[in-house]
Amino acid sequence: MKQEITFEDFTKIDIRIGTIIEVNDFPKARKPAYQLKIDFGGLGIKKSSAQIKDLYSKEDLLNRQVSAIVNFKSRQIANFLSEVLVLGVYNSDNKVVLLQASKQIKNGEQIS
C-alpha cells in the first residue's frame, strides 16, 4: 500500500472521461505503445502515449471511452508530448486493462 493521503490531496487530481478519436502506432517508444488522441469535450482534444498494445488493437480503441488524469504535467516520450495519463490496472498477466465507465458518459465529465 502507498502512503496515505488526505481528501484534499485527492481533490487535486482531475480525472475525466474522454473518447479516443485517433490511434497510431508509436514505433519510437521503448515499450510497445500507441499514440492516442482523446476528445474531452470542453477541455479539448488531448494526446497520450499508452502501453496497452497487449490487449487492445487500434480498432478496439477507436471511439472507446476511457478515464484519464488530465492535470498531470505533460511528459515528453521520445518525439511525442503526452498530455494526459490514461488509467488502467495490471491484470494477473501483467497487461494493462483500461478503466472505463460502465455506461456512456458525456466527454469531459469529471470523475469524483
PDB file of N, CA and C in Angstrom:
ATOM      1  N   MET A   1       0.844  -1.183   0.000  1.00  0.00           N
ATOM      2  CA  MET A   1       0.000   0.000   0.000  1.00  0.00           C
ATOM      3  C   MET A   1       0.886   1.241   0.000  1.00  0.00           C
ATOM      4  N   LYS A   2       0.446   2.247  -0.717  1.00  0.00           N
ATOM      5  CA  LYS A   2       1.198   3.507  -0.783  1.00  0.00           C
ATOM      6  C   LYS A   2       0.866   4.382   0.416  1.00  0.00           C
ATOM      7  N   GLN A   3       1.596   5.473   0.522  1.00  0.00           N
ATOM      8  CA  GLN A   3       1.406   6.415   1.620  1.00  0.00           C
ATOM      9  C   GLN A   3      -0.025   6.943   1.632  1.00  0.00           C
ATOM     10  N   GLU A   4      -0.598   7.050   2.815  1.00  0.00           N
ATOM     11  CA  GLU A   4      -1.944   7.588   2.981  1.00  0.00           C
ATOM     12  C   GLU A   4      -1.960   9.057   2.570  1.00  0.00           C
ATOM     13  N   ILE A   5      -3.029   9.467   1.891  1.00  0.00           N
ATOM     14  CA  ILE A   5      -3.187  10.865   1.501  1.00  0.00           C
ATOM     15  C   ILE A   5      -4.470  11.416   2.118  1.00  0.00           C
ATOM     16  N   THR A   6      -4.587  12.718   2.104  1.00  0.00           N
ATOM     17  CA  THR A   6      -5.791  13.357   2.623  1.00  0.00           C
ATOM     18  C   THR A   6      -6.808  13.520   1.503  1.00  0.00           C
ATOM     19  N   PHE A   7      -8.036  13.842   1.869  1.00  0.00           N
ATOM     20  CA  PHE A   7      -9.060  14.114   0.870  1.00  0.00           C
ATOM     21  C   PHE A   7      -8.654  15.305   0.010  1.00  0.00           C
ATOM     22  N   GLU A   8      -8.006  16.278   0.627  1.00  0.00           N
ATOM     23  CA  GLU A   8      -7.539  17.460  -0.111  1.00  0.00           C
ATOM     24  C   GLU A   8      -6.512  17.066  -1.169  1.00  0.00           C
ATOM     25  N   ASP A   9      -5.649  16.084  -0.851  1.00  0.00           N
ATOM     26  CA  ASP A   9      -4.701  15.579  -1.846  1.00  0.00           C
ATOM     27  C   ASP A   9      -5.464  14.983  -3.027  1.00  0.00           C
ATOM     28  N   PHE A  10      -6.481  14.190  -2.741  1.00  0.00           N
ATOM     29  CA  PHE A  10      -7.267  13.548  -3.791  1.00  0.00           C
ATOM     30  C   PHE A  10      -7.965  14.574  -4.680  1.00  0.00           C
ATOM     31  N   THR A  11      -8.460  15.649  -4.096  1.00  0.00           N
ATOM     32  CA  THR A  11      -9.198  16.649  -4.883  1.00  0.00           C
ATOM     33  C   THR A  11      -8.301  17.383  -5.878  1.00  0.00           C
ATOM     34  N   LYS A  12      -6.989  17.266  -5.738  1.00  0.00           N
ATOM     35  CA  LYS A  12      -6.066  17.888  -6.698  1.00  0.00           C
ATOM     36  C   LYS A  12      -6.014  17.119  -8.018  1.00  0.00           C
ATOM     37  N   ILE A  13      -6.445  15.865  -8.001  1.00  0.00           N
ATOM     38  CA  ILE A  13      -6.398  15.024  -9.201  1.00  0.00           C
ATOM     39  C   ILE A  13      -7.657  15.260 -10.022  1.00  0.00           C
ATOM     40  N   ASP A  14      -7.480  15.585 -11.281  1.00  0.00           N
ATOM     41  CA  ASP A  14      -8.612  15.839 -12.182  1.00  0.00           C
ATOM     42  C   ASP A  14      -8.747  14.665 -13.147  1.00  0.00           C
ATOM     43  N   ILE A  15      -9.688  13.770 -12.859  1.00  0.00           N
ATOM     44  CA  ILE A  15      -9.924  12.588 -13.689  1.00  0.00           C
ATOM     45  C   ILE A  15     -11.173  12.837 -14.516  1.00  0.00           C
ATOM     46  N   ARG A  16     -11.051  12.665 -15.830  1.00  0.00           N
ATOM     47  CA  ARG A  16     -12.164  12.940 -16.751  1.00  0.00           C
ATOM     48  C   ARG A  16     -12.397  11.768 -17.688  1.00  0.00           C
ATOM     49  N   ILE A  17     -13.585  11.767 -18.259  1.00  0.00           N
ATOM     50  CA  ILE A  17     -13.962  10.787 -19.281  1.00  0.00           C
ATOM     51  C   ILE A  17     -13.719  11.420 -20.648  1.00  0.00           C
ATOM     52  N   GLY A  18     -13.122  10.644 -21.543  1.00  0.00           N
ATOM     53  CA  GLY A  18     -12.905  11.105 -22.912  1.00  0.00           C
ATOM     54  C   GLY A  18     -13.054   9.957 -23.884  1.00  0.00           C
ATOM     55  N   THR A  19     -13.235  10.289 -25.145  1.00  0.00           N
ATOM     56  CA  THR A  19     -13.383   9.288 -26.202  1.00  0.00           C
ATOM     57  C   THR A  19     -12.167   9.322 -27.115  1.00  0.00           C
ATOM     58  N   ILE A  20     -11.587   8.154 -27.340  1.00  0.00           N
ATOM     59  CA  ILE A  20     -10.428   8.048 -28.226  1.00  0.00           C
ATOM     60  C   ILE A  20     -10.905   8.278 -29.661  1.00  0.00           C
ATOM     61  N   ILE A  21     -10.313   9.267 -30.322  1.00  0.00           N
ATOM     62  CA  ILE A  21     -10.728   9.605 -31.689  1.00  0.00           C
ATOM     63  C   ILE A  21      -9.655   9.278 -32.725  1.00  0.00           C
ATOM     64  N   GLU A  22      -8.446   8.978 -32.255  1.00  0.00           N
ATOM     65  CA  GLU A  22      -7.368   8.603 -33.183  1.00  0.00           C
ATOM     66  C   GLU A  22      -6.375   7.712 -32.450  1.00  0.00           C
ATOM     67  N   VAL A  23      -5.918   6.670 -33.134  1.00  0.00           N
ATOM     68  CA  VAL A  23      -4.938   5.730 -32.571  1.00  0.00           C
ATOM     69  C   VAL A  23      -3.845   5.507 -33.604  1.00  0.00           C
ATOM     70  N   ASN A  24      -2.596   5.713 -33.193  1.00  0.00           N
ATOM     71  CA  ASN A  24      -1.463   5.489 -34.089  1.00  0.00           C
ATOM     72  C   ASN A  24      -0.408   4.637 -33.390  1.00  0.00           C
ATOM     73  N   ASP A  25       0.313   3.858 -34.174  1.00  0.00           N
ATOM     74  CA  ASP A  25       1.440   3.120 -33.637  1.00  0.00           C
ATOM     75  C   ASP A  25       2.492   4.125 -33.165  1.00  0.00           C
ATOM     76  N   PHE A  26       3.312   3.699 -32.215  1.00  0.00           N
ATOM     77  CA  PHE A  26       4.351   4.559 -31.658  1.00  0.00           C
ATOM     78  C   PHE A  26       5.674   3.789 -31.684  1.00  0.00           C
ATOM     79  N   PRO A  27       6.277   3.670 -32.870  1.00  0.00           N
ATOM     80  CA  PRO A  27       7.491   2.856 -33.011  1.00  0.00           C
ATOM     81  C   PRO A  27       8.696   3.376 -32.230  1.00  0.00           C
ATOM     82  N   LYS A  28       8.727   4.654 -31.894  1.00  0.00           N
ATOM     83  CA  LYS A  28       9.877   5.212 -31.169  1.00  0.00           C
ATOM     84  C   LYS A  28       9.790   5.001 -29.659  1.00  0.00           C
ATOM     85  N   ALA A  29       8.680   4.500 -29.165  1.00  0.00           N
ATOM     86  CA  ALA A  29       8.549   4.222 -27.730  1.00  0.00           C
ATOM     87  C   ALA A  29       9.432   3.037 -27.354  1.00  0.00           C
ATOM     88  N   ARG A  30       9.988   3.059 -26.148  1.00  0.00           N
ATOM     89  CA  ARG A  30      10.844   1.969 -25.689  1.00  0.00           C
ATOM     90  C   ARG A  30      10.054   0.671 -25.506  1.00  0.00           C
ATOM     91  N   LYS A  31       8.845   0.785 -24.970  1.00  0.00           N
ATOM     92  CA  LYS A  31       7.954  -0.367 -24.814  1.00  0.00           C
ATOM     93  C   LYS A  31       6.809  -0.198 -25.800  1.00  0.00           C
ATOM     94  N   PRO A  32       6.233  -1.306 -26.288  1.00  0.00           N
ATOM     95  CA  PRO A  32       5.139  -1.196 -27.264  1.00  0.00           C
ATOM     96  C   PRO A  32       4.011  -0.293 -26.753  1.00  0.00           C
ATOM     97  N   ALA A  33       3.668   0.705 -27.565  1.00  0.00           N
ATOM     98  CA  ALA A  33       2.670   1.691 -27.152  1.00  0.00           C
ATOM     99  C   ALA A  33       1.934   2.249 -28.359  1.00  0.00           C
ATOM    100  N   TYR A  34       0.822   2.909 -28.060  1.00  0.00           N
ATOM    101  CA  TYR A  34       0.066   3.662 -29.058  1.00  0.00           C
ATOM    102  C   TYR A  34       0.149   5.139 -28.708  1.00  0.00           C
ATOM    103  N   GLN A  35      -0.016   5.971 -29.727  1.00  0.00           N
ATOM    104  CA  GLN A  35      -0.256   7.393 -29.545  1.00  0.00           C
ATOM    105  C   GLN A  35      -1.759   7.584 -29.700  1.00  0.00           C
ATOM    106  N   LEU A  36      -2.385   8.180 -28.690  1.00  0.00           N
ATOM    107  CA  LEU A  36      -3.832   8.374 -28.702  1.00  0.00           C
ATOM    108  C   LEU A  36      -4.169   9.856 -28.758  1.00  0.00           C
ATOM    109  N   LYS A  37      -5.251  10.167 -29.458  1.00  0.00           N
ATOM    110  CA  LYS A  37      -5.865  11.487 -29.366  1.00  0.00           C
ATOM    111  C   LYS A  37      -7.237  11.244 -28.749  1.00  0.00           C
ATOM    112  N   ILE A  38      -7.520  11.988 -27.670  1.00  0.00           N
ATOM    113  CA  ILE A  38      -8.724  11.755 -26.887  1.00  0.00           C
ATOM    114  C   ILE A  38      -9.524  13.046 -26.801  1.00  0.00           C
ATOM    115  N   ASP A  39     -10.821  12.951 -27.094  1.00  0.00           N
ATOM    116  CA  ASP A  39     -11.729  14.098 -27.035  1.00  0.00           C
ATOM    117  C   ASP A  39     -12.308  14.201 -25.631  1.00  0.00           C
ATOM    118  N   PHE A  40     -11.986  15.310 -24.946  1.00  0.00           N
ATOM    119  CA  PHE A  40     -12.503  15.568 -23.610  1.00  0.00           C
ATOM    120  C   PHE A  40     -13.539  16.682 -23.616  1.00  0.00           C
ATOM    121  N   GLY A  41     -14.333  16.775 -24.665  1.00  0.00           N
ATOM    122  CA  GLY A  41     -15.403  17.760 -24.732  1.00  0.00           C
ATOM    123  C   GLY A  41     -14.861  19.174 -24.619  1.00  0.00           C
ATOM    124  N   GLY A  42     -15.364  19.917 -23.637  1.00  0.00           N
ATOM    125  CA  GLY A  42     -14.968  21.308 -23.435  1.00  0.00           C
ATOM    126  C   GLY A  42     -13.502  21.505 -23.114  1.00  0.00           C
ATOM    127  N   LEU A  43     -12.832  20.469 -22.655  1.00  0.00           N
ATOM    128  CA  LEU A  43     -11.393  20.569 -22.372  1.00  0.00           C
ATOM    129  C   LEU A  43     -10.557  20.437 -23.640  1.00  0.00           C
ATOM    130  N   GLY A  44     -11.184  20.014 -24.724  1.00  0.00           N
ATOM    131  CA  GLY A  44     -10.481  19.869 -25.988  1.00  0.00           C
ATOM    132  C   GLY A  44      -9.943  18.472 -26.219  1.00  0.00           C
ATOM    133  N   ILE A  45      -9.116  18.369 -27.241  1.00  0.00           N
ATOM    134  CA  ILE A  45      -8.504  17.094 -27.626  1.00  0.00           C
ATOM    135  C   ILE A  45      -7.099  17.049 -27.039  1.00  0.00           C
ATOM    136  N   LYS A  46      -6.808  15.974 -26.328  1.00  0.00           N
ATOM    137  CA  LYS A  46      -5.512  15.807 -25.666  1.00  0.00           C
ATOM    138  C   LYS A  46      -4.839  14.545 -26.199  1.00  0.00           C
ATOM    139  N   LYS A  47      -3.510  14.524 -26.104  1.00  0.00           N
ATOM    140  CA  LYS A  47      -2.723  13.383 -26.578  1.00  0.00           C
ATOM    141  C   LYS A  47      -2.198  12.568 -25.402  1.00  0.00           C
ATOM    142  N   SER A  48      -2.042  11.265 -25.637  1.00  0.00           N
ATOM    143  CA  SER A  48      -1.485  10.386 -24.617  1.00  0.00           C
ATOM    144  C   SER A  48      -0.736   9.239 -25.275  1.00  0.00           C
ATOM    145  N   SER A  49       0.350   8.837 -24.637  1.00  0.00           N
ATOM    146  CA  SER A  49       1.043   7.617 -25.013  1.00  0.00           C
ATOM    147  C   SER A  49       0.559   6.541 -24.054  1.00  0.00           C
ATOM    148  N   ALA A  50       0.169   5.383 -24.582  1.00  0.00           N
ATOM    149  CA  ALA A  50      -0.380   4.334 -23.726  1.00  0.00           C
ATOM    150  C   ALA A  50       0.203   2.977 -24.097  1.00  0.00           C
ATOM    151  N   GLN A  51       0.747   2.296 -23.098  1.00  0.00           N
ATOM    152  CA  GLN A  51       1.333   0.966 -23.293  1.00  0.00           C
ATOM    153  C   GLN A  51       0.240  -0.086 -23.112  1.00  0.00           C
ATOM    154  N   ILE A  52      -0.644  -0.177 -24.097  1.00  0.00           N
ATOM    155  CA  ILE A  52      -1.811  -1.052 -23.998  1.00  0.00           C
ATOM    156  C   ILE A  52      -1.951  -1.969 -25.209  1.00  0.00           C
ATOM    157  N   LYS A  53      -0.868  -2.157 -25.941  1.00  0.00           N
ATOM    158  CA  LYS A  53      -0.929  -2.953 -27.172  1.00  0.00           C
ATOM    159  C   LYS A  53      -1.170  -4.441 -26.917  1.00  0.00           C
ATOM    160  N   ASP A  54      -0.848  -4.924 -25.723  1.00  0.00           N
ATOM    161  CA  ASP A  54      -1.016  -6.349 -25.433  1.00  0.00           C
ATOM    162  C   ASP A  54      -2.464  -6.801 -25.528  1.00  0.00           C
ATOM    163  N   LEU A  55      -3.384  -5.963 -25.078  1.00  0.00           N
ATOM    164  CA  LEU A  55      -4.786  -6.380 -25.007  1.00  0.00           C
ATOM    165  C   LEU A  55      -5.720  -5.639 -25.960  1.00  0.00           C
ATOM    166  N   TYR A  56      -5.219  -4.565 -26.601  1.00  0.00           N
ATOM    167  CA  TYR A  56      -6.099  -3.740 -27.422  1.00  0.00           C
ATOM    168  C   TYR A  56      -5.503  -3.489 -28.804  1.00  0.00           C
ATOM    169  N   SER A  57      -6.325  -3.696 -29.819  1.00  0.00           N
ATOM    170  CA  SER A  57      -5.925  -3.320 -31.178  1.00  0.00           C
ATOM    171  C   SER A  57      -6.354  -1.873 -31.412  1.00  0.00           C
ATOM    172  N   LYS A  58      -5.858  -1.285 -32.477  1.00  0.00           N
ATOM    173  CA  LYS A  58      -6.276   0.075 -32.823  1.00  0.00           C
ATOM    174  C   LYS A  58      -7.787   0.139 -33.022  1.00  0.00           C
ATOM    175  N   GLU A  59      -8.343  -0.894 -33.648  1.00  0.00           N
ATOM    176  CA  GLU A  59      -9.777  -0.938 -33.903  1.00  0.00           C
ATOM    177  C   GLU A  59     -10.572  -1.032 -32.595  1.00  0.00           C
ATOM    178  N   ASP A  60     -10.037  -1.780 -31.615  1.00  0.00           N
ATOM    179  CA  ASP A  60     -10.694  -1.888 -30.302  1.00  0.00           C
ATOM    180  C   ASP A  60     -10.769  -0.532 -29.610  1.00  0.00           C
ATOM    181  N   LEU A  61      -9.764   0.290 -29.817  1.00  0.00           N
ATOM    182  CA  LEU A  61      -9.645   1.544 -29.076  1.00  0.00           C
ATOM    183  C   LEU A  61     -10.417   2.699 -29.693  1.00  0.00           C
ATOM    184  N   LEU A  62     -10.535   2.716 -30.998  1.00  0.00           N
ATOM    185  CA  LEU A  62     -11.180   3.836 -31.673  1.00  0.00           C
ATOM    186  C   LEU A  62     -12.628   3.971 -31.199  1.00  0.00           C
ATOM    187  N   ASN A  63     -12.999   5.150 -30.771  1.00  0.00           N
ATOM    188  CA  ASN A  63     -14.332   5.505 -30.268  1.00  0.00           C
ATOM    189  C   ASN A  63     -14.647   4.910 -28.895  1.00  0.00           C
ATOM    190  N   ARG A  64     -13.647   4.381 -28.210  1.00  0.00           N
ATOM    191  CA  ARG A  64     -13.828   3.845 -26.856  1.00  0.00           C
ATOM    192  C   ARG A  64     -13.655   4.977 -25.843  1.00  0.00           C
ATOM    193  N   GLN A  65     -14.536   4.999 -24.852  1.00  0.00           N
ATOM    194  CA  GLN A  65     -14.371   5.964 -23.777  1.00  0.00           C
ATOM    195  C   GLN A  65     -13.373   5.425 -22.759  1.00  0.00           C
ATOM    196  N   VAL A  66     -12.547   6.338 -22.232  1.00  0.00           N
ATOM    197  CA  VAL A  66     -11.547   5.988 -21.237  1.00  0.00           C
ATOM    198  C   VAL A  66     -11.566   7.026 -20.121  1.00  0.00           C
ATOM    199  N   SER A  67     -10.959   6.660 -19.008  1.00  0.00           N
ATOM    200  CA  SER A  67     -10.737   7.580 -17.894  1.00  0.00           C
ATOM    201  C   SER A  67      -9.288   8.029 -17.949  1.00  0.00           C
ATOM    202  N   ALA A  68      -9.049   9.306 -17.674  1.00  0.00           N
ATOM    203  CA  ALA A  68      -7.680   9.815 -17.727  1.00  0.00           C
ATOM    204  C   ALA A  68      -7.494  10.955 -16.744  1.00  0.00           C
ATOM    205  N   ILE A  69      -6.292  11.058 -16.218  1.00  0.00           N
ATOM    206  CA  ILE A  69      -5.922  12.212 -15.403  1.00  0.00           C
ATOM    207  C   ILE A  69      -5.490  13.300 -16.378  1.00  0.00           C
ATOM    208  N   VAL A  70      -6.187  14.429 -16.319  1.00  0.00           N
ATOM    209  CA  VAL A  70      -5.945  15.485 -17.307  1.00  0.00           C
ATOM    210  C   VAL A  70      -5.100  16.639 -16.776  1.00  0.00           C
ATOM    211  N   ASN A  71      -4.748  16.603 -15.488  1.00  0.00           N
ATOM    212  CA  ASN A  71      -3.963  17.723 -14.958  1.00  0.00           C
ATOM    213  C   ASN A  71      -2.549  17.326 -14.539  1.00  0.00           C
ATOM    214  N   PHE A  72      -2.027  16.240 -15.103  1.00  0.00           N
ATOM    215  CA  PHE A  72      -0.610  15.939 -14.942  1.00  0.00           C
ATOM    216  C   PHE A  72       0.195  16.889 -15.820  1.00  0.00           C
ATOM    217  N   LYS A  73       1.404  17.175 -15.409  1.00  0.00           N
ATOM    218  CA  LYS A  73       2.305  17.942 -16.253  1.00  0.00           C
ATOM    219  C   LYS A  73       2.614  17.097 -17.492  1.00  0.00           C
ATOM    220  N   SER A  74       2.610  17.705 -18.667  1.00  0.00           N
ATOM    221  CA  SER A  74       2.912  16.991 -19.911  1.00  0.00           C
ATOM    222  C   SER A  74       4.274  16.334 -19.820  1.00  0.00           C
ATOM    223  N   ARG A  75       4.413  15.197 -20.513  1.00  0.00           N
ATOM    224  CA  ARG A  75       5.659  14.423 -20.448  1.00  0.00           C
ATOM    225  C   ARG A  75       6.126  14.076 -21.852  1.00  0.00           C
ATOM    226  N   GLN A  76       7.376  14.384 -22.137  1.00  0.00           N
ATOM    227  CA  GLN A  76       7.969  14.060 -23.430  1.00  0.00           C
ATOM    228  C   GLN A  76       8.365  12.590 -23.445  1.00  0.00           C
ATOM    229  N   ILE A  77       7.828  11.837 -24.394  1.00  0.00           N
ATOM    230  CA  ILE A  77       8.170  10.424 -24.563  1.00  0.00           C
ATOM    231  C   ILE A  77       8.659  10.273 -25.997  1.00  0.00           C
ATOM    232  N   ALA A  78       9.958  10.064 -26.137  1.00  0.00           N
ATOM    233  CA  ALA A  78      10.606  10.051 -27.462  1.00  0.00           C
ATOM    234  C   ALA A  78      10.259  11.360 -28.164  1.00  0.00           C
ATOM    235  N   ASN A  79       9.646  11.295 -29.337  1.00  0.00           N
ATOM    236  CA  ASN A  79       9.318  12.508 -30.096  1.00  0.00           C
ATOM    237  C   ASN A  79       7.854  12.927 -29.915  1.00  0.00           C
ATOM    238  N   PHE A  80       7.218  12.498 -28.821  1.00  0.00           N
ATOM    239  CA  PHE A  80       5.785  12.701 -28.613  1.00  0.00           C
ATOM    240  C   PHE A  80       5.550  13.331 -27.242  1.00  0.00           C
ATOM    241  N   LEU A  81       4.691  14.362 -27.179  1.00  0.00           N
ATOM    242  CA  LEU A  81       4.344  15.003 -25.918  1.00  0.00           C
ATOM    243  C   LEU A  81       3.025  14.423 -25.416  1.00  0.00           C
ATOM    244  N   SER A  82       3.094  13.656 -24.332  1.00  0.00           N
ATOM    245  CA  SER A  82       1.910  13.043 -23.729  1.00  0.00           C
ATOM    246  C   SER A  82       1.317  14.024 -22.728  1.00  0.00           C
ATOM    247  N   GLU A  83       0.040  14.380 -22.928  1.00  0.00           N
ATOM    248  CA  GLU A  83      -0.598  15.430 -22.130  1.00  0.00           C
ATOM    249  C   GLU A  83      -1.470  14.898 -20.997  1.00  0.00           C
ATOM    250  N   VAL A  84      -1.948  13.668 -21.111  1.00  0.00           N
ATOM    251  CA  VAL A  84      -2.820  13.080 -20.094  1.00  0.00           C
ATOM    252  C   VAL A  84      -2.380  11.648 -19.816  1.00  0.00           C
ATOM    253  N   LEU A  85      -2.791  11.133 -18.660  1.00  0.00           N
ATOM    254  CA  LEU A  85      -2.477   9.756 -18.289  1.00  0.00           C
ATOM    255  C   LEU A  85      -3.759   8.923 -18.327  1.00  0.00           C
ATOM    256  N   VAL A  86      -3.834   8.018 -19.282  1.00  0.00           N
ATOM    257  CA  VAL A  86      -4.969   7.109 -19.385  1.00  0.00           C
ATOM    258  C   VAL A  86      -4.849   6.083 -18.260  1.00  0.00           C
ATOM    259  N   LEU A  87      -5.949   5.808 -17.582  1.00  0.00           N
ATOM    260  CA  LEU A  87      -5.919   4.940 -16.406  1.00  0.00           C
ATOM    261  C   LEU A  87      -6.217   3.491 -16.747  1.00  0.00           C
ATOM    262  N   GLY A  88      -5.466   2.616 -16.110  1.00  0.00           N
ATOM    263  CA  GLY A  88      -5.665   1.187 -16.277  1.00  0.00           C
ATOM    264  C   GLY A  88      -5.117   0.458 -15.074  1.00  0.00           C
ATOM    265  N   VAL A  89      -5.323  -0.839 -15.065  1.00  0.00           N
ATOM    266  CA  VAL A  89      -4.827  -1.675 -13.980  1.00  0.00           C
ATOM    267  C   VAL A  89      -4.134  -2.884 -14.594  1.00  0.00           C
ATOM    268  N   TYR A  90      -3.041  -3.321 -13.975  1.00  0.00           N
ATOM    269  CA  TYR A  90      -2.350  -4.516 -14.458  1.00  0.00           C
ATOM    270  C   TYR A  90      -3.121  -5.755 -14.024  1.00  0.00           C
ATOM    271  N   ASN A  91      -3.393  -6.643 -14.977  1.00  0.00           N
ATOM    272  CA  ASN A  91      -4.058  -7.898 -14.648  1.00  0.00           C
ATOM    273  C   ASN A  91      -3.026  -8.920 -14.173  1.00  0.00           C
ATOM    274  N   SER A  92      -3.470 -10.153 -13.946  1.00  0.00           N
ATOM    275  CA  SER A  92      -2.575 -11.189 -13.420  1.00  0.00           C
ATOM    276  C   SER A  92      -1.469 -11.561 -14.402  1.00  0.00           C
ATOM    277  N   ASP A  93      -1.626 -11.227 -15.692  1.00  0.00           N
ATOM    278  CA  ASP A  93      -0.595 -11.477 -16.706  1.00  0.00           C
ATOM    279  C   ASP A  93       0.304 -10.256 -16.923  1.00  0.00           C
ATOM    280  N   ASN A  94       0.162  -9.239 -16.047  1.00  0.00           N
ATOM    281  CA  ASN A  94       0.944  -8.009 -16.119  1.00  0.00           C
ATOM    282  C   ASN A  94       0.676  -7.216 -17.396  1.00  0.00           C
ATOM    283  N   LYS A  95      -0.567  -7.264 -17.853  1.00  0.00           N
ATOM    284  CA  LYS A  95      -1.013  -6.497 -19.020  1.00  0.00           C
ATOM    285  C   LYS A  95      -2.040  -5.465 -18.548  1.00  0.00           C
ATOM    286  N   VAL A  96      -2.018  -4.280 -19.160  1.00  0.00           N
ATOM    287  CA  VAL A  96      -2.882  -3.188 -18.720  1.00  0.00           C
ATOM    288  C   VAL A  96      -4.300  -3.355 -19.259  1.00  0.00           C
ATOM    289  N   VAL A  97      -5.262  -3.310 -18.337  1.00  0.00           N
ATOM    290  CA  VAL A  97      -6.687  -3.306 -18.663  1.00  0.00           C
ATOM    291  C   VAL A  97      -7.188  -1.893 -18.384  1.00  0.00           C
ATOM    292  N   LEU A  98      -7.814  -1.268 -19.383  1.00  0.00           N
ATOM    293  CA  LEU A  98      -8.285   0.106 -19.236  1.00  0.00           C
ATOM    294  C   LEU A  98      -9.427   0.210 -18.242  1.00  0.00           C
ATOM    295  N   LEU A  99      -9.448   1.317 -17.499  1.00  0.00           N
ATOM    296  CA  LEU A  99     -10.572   1.636 -16.622  1.00  0.00           C
ATOM    297  C   LEU A  99     -11.529   2.514 -17.419  1.00  0.00           C
ATOM    298  N   GLN A 100     -12.801   2.180 -17.354  1.00  0.00           N
ATOM    299  CA  GLN A 100     -13.774   2.972 -18.095  1.00  0.00           C
ATOM    300  C   GLN A 100     -15.123   2.895 -17.415  1.00  0.00           C
ATOM    301  N   ALA A 101     -15.988   3.827 -17.760  1.00  0.00           N
ATOM    302  CA  ALA A 101     -17.337   3.866 -17.204  1.00  0.00           C
ATOM    303  C   ALA A 101     -18.161   2.703 -17.751  1.00  0.00           C
ATOM    304  N   SER A 102     -19.098   2.244 -16.974  1.00  0.00           N
ATOM    305  CA  SER A 102     -19.946   1.125 -17.401  1.00  0.00           C
ATOM    306  C   SER A 102     -21.067   1.582 -18.333  1.00  0.00           C
ATOM    307  N   LYS A 103     -21.326   2.874 -18.392  1.00  0.00           N
ATOM    308  CA  LYS A 103     -22.326   3.464 -19.288  1.00  0.00           C
ATOM    309  C   LYS A 103     -21.687   4.626 -20.039  1.00  0.00           C
ATOM    310  N   GLN A 104     -22.274   5.001 -21.168  1.00  0.00           N
ATOM    311  CA  GLN A 104     -21.787   6.145 -21.953  1.00  0.00           C
ATOM    312  C   GLN A 104     -21.904   7.417 -21.119  1.00  0.00           C
ATOM    313  N   ILE A 105     -20.852   8.224 -21.119  1.00  0.00           N
ATOM    314  CA  ILE A 105     -20.785   9.471 -20.357  1.00  0.00           C
ATOM    315  C   ILE A 105     -20.405  10.585 -21.323  1.00  0.00           C
ATOM    316  N   LYS A 106     -20.879  11.792 -21.050  1.00  0.00           N
ATOM    317  CA  LYS A 106     -20.507  12.944 -21.863  1.00  0.00           C
ATOM    318  C   LYS A 106     -19.007  13.204 -21.733  1.00  0.00           C
ATOM    319  N   ASN A 107     -18.326  13.392 -22.859  1.00  0.00           N
ATOM    320  CA  ASN A 107     -16.889  13.676 -22.858  1.00  0.00           C
ATOM    321  C   ASN A 107     -16.588  14.887 -21.981  1.00  0.00           C
ATOM    322  N   GLY A 108     -15.550  14.770 -21.171  1.00  0.00           N
ATOM    323  CA  GLY A 108     -15.135  15.860 -20.302  1.00  0.00           C
ATOM    324  C   GLY A 108     -15.713  15.794 -18.911  1.00  0.00           C
ATOM    325  N   GLU A 109     -16.674  14.896 -18.666  1.00  0.00           N
ATOM    326  CA  GLU A 109     -17.251  14.801 -17.332  1.00  0.00           C
ATOM    327  C   GLU A 109     -16.183  14.372 -16.340  1.00  0.00           C
ATOM    328  N   GLN A 110     -16.254  14.965 -15.160  1.00  0.00           N
ATOM    329  CA  GLN A 110     -15.255  14.707 -14.130  1.00  0.00           C
ATOM    330  C   GLN A 110     -15.668  13.536 -13.254  1.00  0.00           C
ATOM    331  N   ILE A 111     -14.695  12.697 -12.941  1.00  0.00           N
ATOM    332  CA  ILE A 111     -14.913  11.578 -12.020  1.00  0.00           C
ATOM    333  C   ILE A 111     -14.669  12.109 -10.619  1.00  0.00           C
ATOM    334  N   SER A 112     -15.612  11.818  -9.731  1.00  0.00           N
ATOM    335  CA  SER A 112     -15.464  12.330  -8.352  1.00  0.00           C
ATOM    336  C   SER A 112     -15.686  11.235  -7.355  1.00  0.00           C
TER     337      SER A 112
END
